[in-house]
Protein backbone atom coordinates (compact mmCIF):
# COMPACT_ATOMS: atom_id res chain seq x y z
CA MET A 1 57.83 -19.61 -26.99
CA GLN A 2 54.58 -20.32 -25.18
CA PHE A 3 56.44 -22.38 -22.56
CA ILE A 4 58.90 -19.54 -21.92
CA PHE A 5 56.00 -17.13 -21.48
CA LEU A 6 54.32 -19.47 -18.97
CA VAL A 7 57.54 -19.83 -16.98
CA PHE A 8 57.96 -16.06 -16.94
CA LEU A 9 54.35 -15.64 -15.84
CA VAL A 10 54.78 -18.09 -12.95
CA PHE A 11 57.93 -16.34 -11.76
CA ALA A 12 56.27 -12.94 -12.04
CA ILE A 13 53.22 -14.04 -10.04
CA ASN A 14 55.45 -15.62 -7.39
CA PHE A 15 57.54 -12.44 -7.18
CA PHE A 16 54.60 -10.08 -6.67
CA ILE A 17 52.78 -12.31 -4.19
CA LYS A 18 55.99 -12.83 -2.23
CA LYS A 19 56.68 -9.10 -2.13
CA LYS A 20 53.16 -8.48 -0.85
CA GLU A 21 53.64 -11.08 1.90
CA GLN A 22 56.96 -9.51 2.87
CA ARG A 23 55.41 -6.04 3.14
CA GLN A 24 52.63 -7.40 5.33
CA ARG A 25 55.11 -9.11 7.65
CA ILE A 26 57.37 -6.06 7.86
CA ILE A 27 54.37 -3.87 8.72
CA LEU A 28 53.11 -6.37 11.31
CA LEU A 29 56.48 -6.65 13.04
CA GLY A 30 57.16 -2.93 12.72
CA ARG A 31 53.91 -2.04 14.45
CA GLN A 32 54.82 -4.18 17.43
CA LEU A 33 58.45 -3.05 17.64
CA GLY A 34 57.46 0.58 17.17
CA GLN A 35 56.03 0.65 20.69
CA TYR A 36 59.42 -0.10 22.23
CA GLN A 37 63.05 1.00 22.05
CA ILE A 38 64.39 -2.48 21.37
CA GLU A 39 66.39 -1.59 18.27
CA LYS A 40 67.91 1.49 19.92
CA LEU A 41 68.86 -0.45 23.04
CA MET A 42 70.36 -3.25 20.95
CA GLU A 43 72.52 -0.70 19.15
CA THR A 44 73.54 0.79 22.49
CA LEU A 45 74.61 -2.63 23.77
CA ALA A 46 76.48 -3.61 20.62
CA ASP A 47 78.42 -0.32 20.52
CA GLY A 48 78.97 -0.42 24.28
CA TYR A 49 80.47 -3.90 24.23
CA LEU A 50 82.94 -2.86 21.53
CA ARG A 51 83.85 0.25 23.52
CA ALA A 52 84.36 -1.69 26.75
CA LEU A 53 86.45 -4.37 25.08
CA GLY A 54 88.61 -1.75 23.42
CA GLU A 55 89.08 0.42 26.54
CA ALA A 56 92.63 0.22 27.89
CA ASP A 57 91.94 2.01 31.18
CA GLU A 58 90.49 -0.44 33.71
CA ASP A 59 88.44 2.16 35.62
CA ARG A 60 86.85 3.49 32.47
CA ARG A 61 86.23 -0.05 31.22
CA ASN A 62 84.45 -0.97 34.46
CA GLN A 63 82.40 2.21 34.22
CA VAL A 64 81.21 1.18 30.75
CA TRP A 65 80.33 -2.30 31.98
CA ARG A 66 78.21 -0.82 34.80
CA TYR A 67 76.39 1.41 32.33
CA LEU A 68 75.72 -1.58 30.10
CA ASP A 69 74.28 -3.53 33.04
CA THR A 70 71.50 -0.94 33.21
CA ALA A 71 70.95 -1.04 29.45
CA GLU A 72 70.71 -4.84 29.57
CA VAL A 73 68.00 -4.70 32.23
CA GLN A 74 66.06 -2.18 30.14
CA PHE A 75 66.42 -4.33 27.04
CA CYS A 76 65.16 -7.45 28.82
CA GLU A 77 62.15 -5.60 30.21
CA GLN A 78 61.24 -4.21 26.80
CA PHE A 79 61.83 -7.44 24.92
CA ASN A 80 59.79 -9.49 27.38
CA LYS A 81 56.85 -7.10 26.87
CA PHE A 82 57.30 -7.27 23.09
CA SER A 83 57.39 -11.07 23.14
CA ALA A 84 54.25 -11.22 25.30
CA GLN A 85 52.47 -8.80 22.99
CA MET A 86 53.38 -10.88 19.93
CA MET A 87 51.61 -13.81 21.59
CA THR A 88 48.32 -11.94 21.23
CA LEU A 89 48.54 -11.99 17.42
CA ASP A 90 46.69 -14.46 15.22
CA ALA A 91 48.72 -17.66 14.74
CA ALA A 92 47.90 -17.60 11.03
CA ASP A 93 49.94 -14.39 10.69
CA THR A 94 53.03 -15.58 12.56
CA ARG A 95 53.98 -18.77 10.73
CA VAL A 96 57.45 -18.91 9.19
CA SER A 97 58.57 -21.23 6.40
CA LYS A 98 61.53 -23.44 7.28
CA PHE A 99 62.66 -23.46 3.65
CA ALA A 100 65.91 -21.54 3.20
CA VAL A 101 64.65 -19.75 0.09
CA GLY A 102 61.42 -17.82 0.30
CA PHE A 103 58.57 -18.26 -2.18
CA ALA A 104 54.96 -17.16 -2.30
CA MET A 105 52.41 -18.80 0.01
CA ALA A 106 55.02 -21.23 1.38
CA THR A 107 53.43 -21.31 4.84
CA LYS A 108 50.03 -22.16 3.35
CA ILE A 109 51.22 -24.72 0.80
CA PHE A 110 53.54 -26.50 3.26
CA PRO A 111 52.06 -25.79 6.73
CA LYS A 112 53.92 -28.71 8.32
CA ASN A 113 57.23 -27.20 7.28
CA THR A 114 56.75 -24.03 9.35
CA PHE A 115 57.30 -22.71 12.86
CA ASP A 116 55.64 -19.96 14.90
CA VAL A 117 57.80 -16.85 15.22
CA ARG A 118 56.09 -16.09 18.55
CA GLU A 119 57.58 -19.27 20.03
CA ALA A 120 60.99 -18.34 18.67
CA LEU A 121 60.76 -14.88 20.23
CA ALA A 122 59.83 -16.45 23.57
CA ILE A 123 62.97 -18.60 23.35
CA HIS A 124 65.01 -15.48 22.62
CA ALA A 125 63.45 -13.65 25.57
CA ARG A 126 64.50 -16.43 27.94
CA GLY A 127 67.97 -16.69 26.45
CA ILE A 128 68.64 -12.95 26.51
CA GLU A 129 67.45 -12.61 30.11
CA LYS A 130 69.51 -15.61 31.23
CA ALA A 131 72.64 -14.19 29.62
CA ALA A 132 71.98 -10.74 31.11
CA LYS A 133 71.49 -12.08 34.64
CA ASN A 134 74.77 -13.98 34.28
CA GLU A 135 73.96 -16.45 37.04
CA MET A 136 76.94 -18.58 35.96
CA GLY A 137 79.27 -15.72 36.88
CA ARG A 138 80.95 -15.28 33.51
CA SER A 139 83.52 -12.54 33.08
CA PRO A 140 82.14 -9.30 31.57
CA ARG A 141 83.89 -10.20 28.31
CA ASP A 142 82.35 -13.69 28.14
CA LYS A 143 78.96 -12.36 29.19
CA ALA A 144 79.09 -9.77 26.40
CA PHE A 145 80.05 -12.46 23.89
CA THR A 146 77.12 -14.71 24.83
CA LEU A 147 74.59 -11.90 25.05
CA SER A 148 75.70 -10.50 21.69
CA ALA A 149 75.13 -13.91 20.13
CA GLU A 150 71.66 -14.09 21.69
CA LEU A 151 70.83 -10.65 20.26
CA PHE A 152 72.19 -11.52 16.81
CA LEU A 153 70.18 -14.74 16.69
CA MET A 154 67.03 -12.85 17.67
CA GLN A 155 67.65 -10.32 14.92
CA HIS A 156 68.18 -13.20 12.47
CA THR A 157 64.77 -14.59 13.44
CA CYS A 158 63.08 -11.25 12.76
CA HIS A 159 64.68 -11.02 9.31
CA TRP A 160 63.77 -14.67 8.64
CA PHE A 161 60.14 -13.89 9.48
CA CYS A 162 60.06 -10.85 7.20
CA ASN A 163 61.98 -12.38 4.29
CA SER A 164 63.65 -15.81 4.29
CA LYS A 165 66.33 -17.77 6.11
CA ASP A 166 68.91 -17.19 3.38
CA ILE A 167 68.35 -13.43 3.35
CA ALA A 168 68.48 -13.32 7.16
CA SER A 169 71.79 -15.20 7.15
CA ALA A 170 73.23 -12.89 4.48
CA ARG A 171 72.27 -9.81 6.50
CA LEU A 172 73.79 -11.33 9.63
CA LEU A 173 77.07 -11.88 7.81
CA MET A 174 77.03 -8.41 6.26
CA ARG A 175 76.15 -6.50 9.45
CA HIS A 176 78.03 -8.45 12.09
CA LYS A 177 80.68 -10.35 10.11
CA THR A 178 79.55 -13.67 11.52
CA THR A 179 77.65 -16.65 10.14
CA TYR A 180 74.37 -18.16 11.27
CA ALA A 181 76.18 -21.36 12.30
CA GLN A 182 78.71 -19.40 14.38
CA VAL A 183 75.95 -17.50 16.19
CA LEU A 184 74.11 -20.73 16.96
CA GLN A 185 77.25 -22.13 18.53
CA ALA A 186 77.84 -18.98 20.58
CA VAL A 187 74.43 -18.73 22.28
CA ASP A 188 73.58 -20.50 25.53
CA ALA A 189 73.10 -24.27 25.17
CA ASP A 190 69.47 -24.05 26.31
CA THR A 191 68.72 -21.42 23.68
CA ARG A 192 70.43 -23.43 20.97
CA SER A 193 68.64 -26.66 21.83
CA ALA A 194 65.16 -25.10 22.00
CA TYR A 195 65.70 -22.94 18.92
CA CYS A 196 66.99 -25.77 16.76
CA ALA A 197 64.15 -28.05 17.84
CA LEU A 198 61.63 -25.37 16.84
CA THR A 199 63.15 -24.20 13.56
CA GLY A 200 64.66 -27.47 12.36
CA SER A 201 68.17 -25.99 12.29
CA LYS A 202 71.18 -28.16 13.05
CA GLU A 203 72.91 -27.65 16.39
CA THR A 204 76.32 -28.35 14.87
CA PRO A 205 77.62 -26.84 11.62
């Protein structure tokens, strides 16, 4: 009976400390994001891509693509500023545990098994801008596919920072009907290589 009580106590302490850490991270990230329209622009792009891909009339489809070009430029400008601003935060507050399942004080107990979310966001900034500039001359459809993957991976990183890798992957699947492994394979090769090296993720499923 005493053993069961001790186990329950350990789980309860872990739960409350973990929840407190999550709230702190959500507040920290929210304060930075709140200064920009990143989430709104991301929604605009995601909805716009679906509209363009589903548009039967070529003239209307091209009109949507041109509108999205402007939204992409705005997103890149805002995200680059956000990423730069995140770099000004204390490194002790931006560590992320590489463990798939989150538990209390993981970044402090296992500091070697962490990565800095600021570095991940810098990788995302480069990848998103590269996809938006489309220097390789991809078709609008292929460009939208790659850029969507870059955006989804960035969103996954934010959820990973606030919660855990497993929760981030579950939200990715629920919201966008795609897996973490599929998104990794869909982003630009440079993004994938740098991101996997930083986070310890595998480049191939």
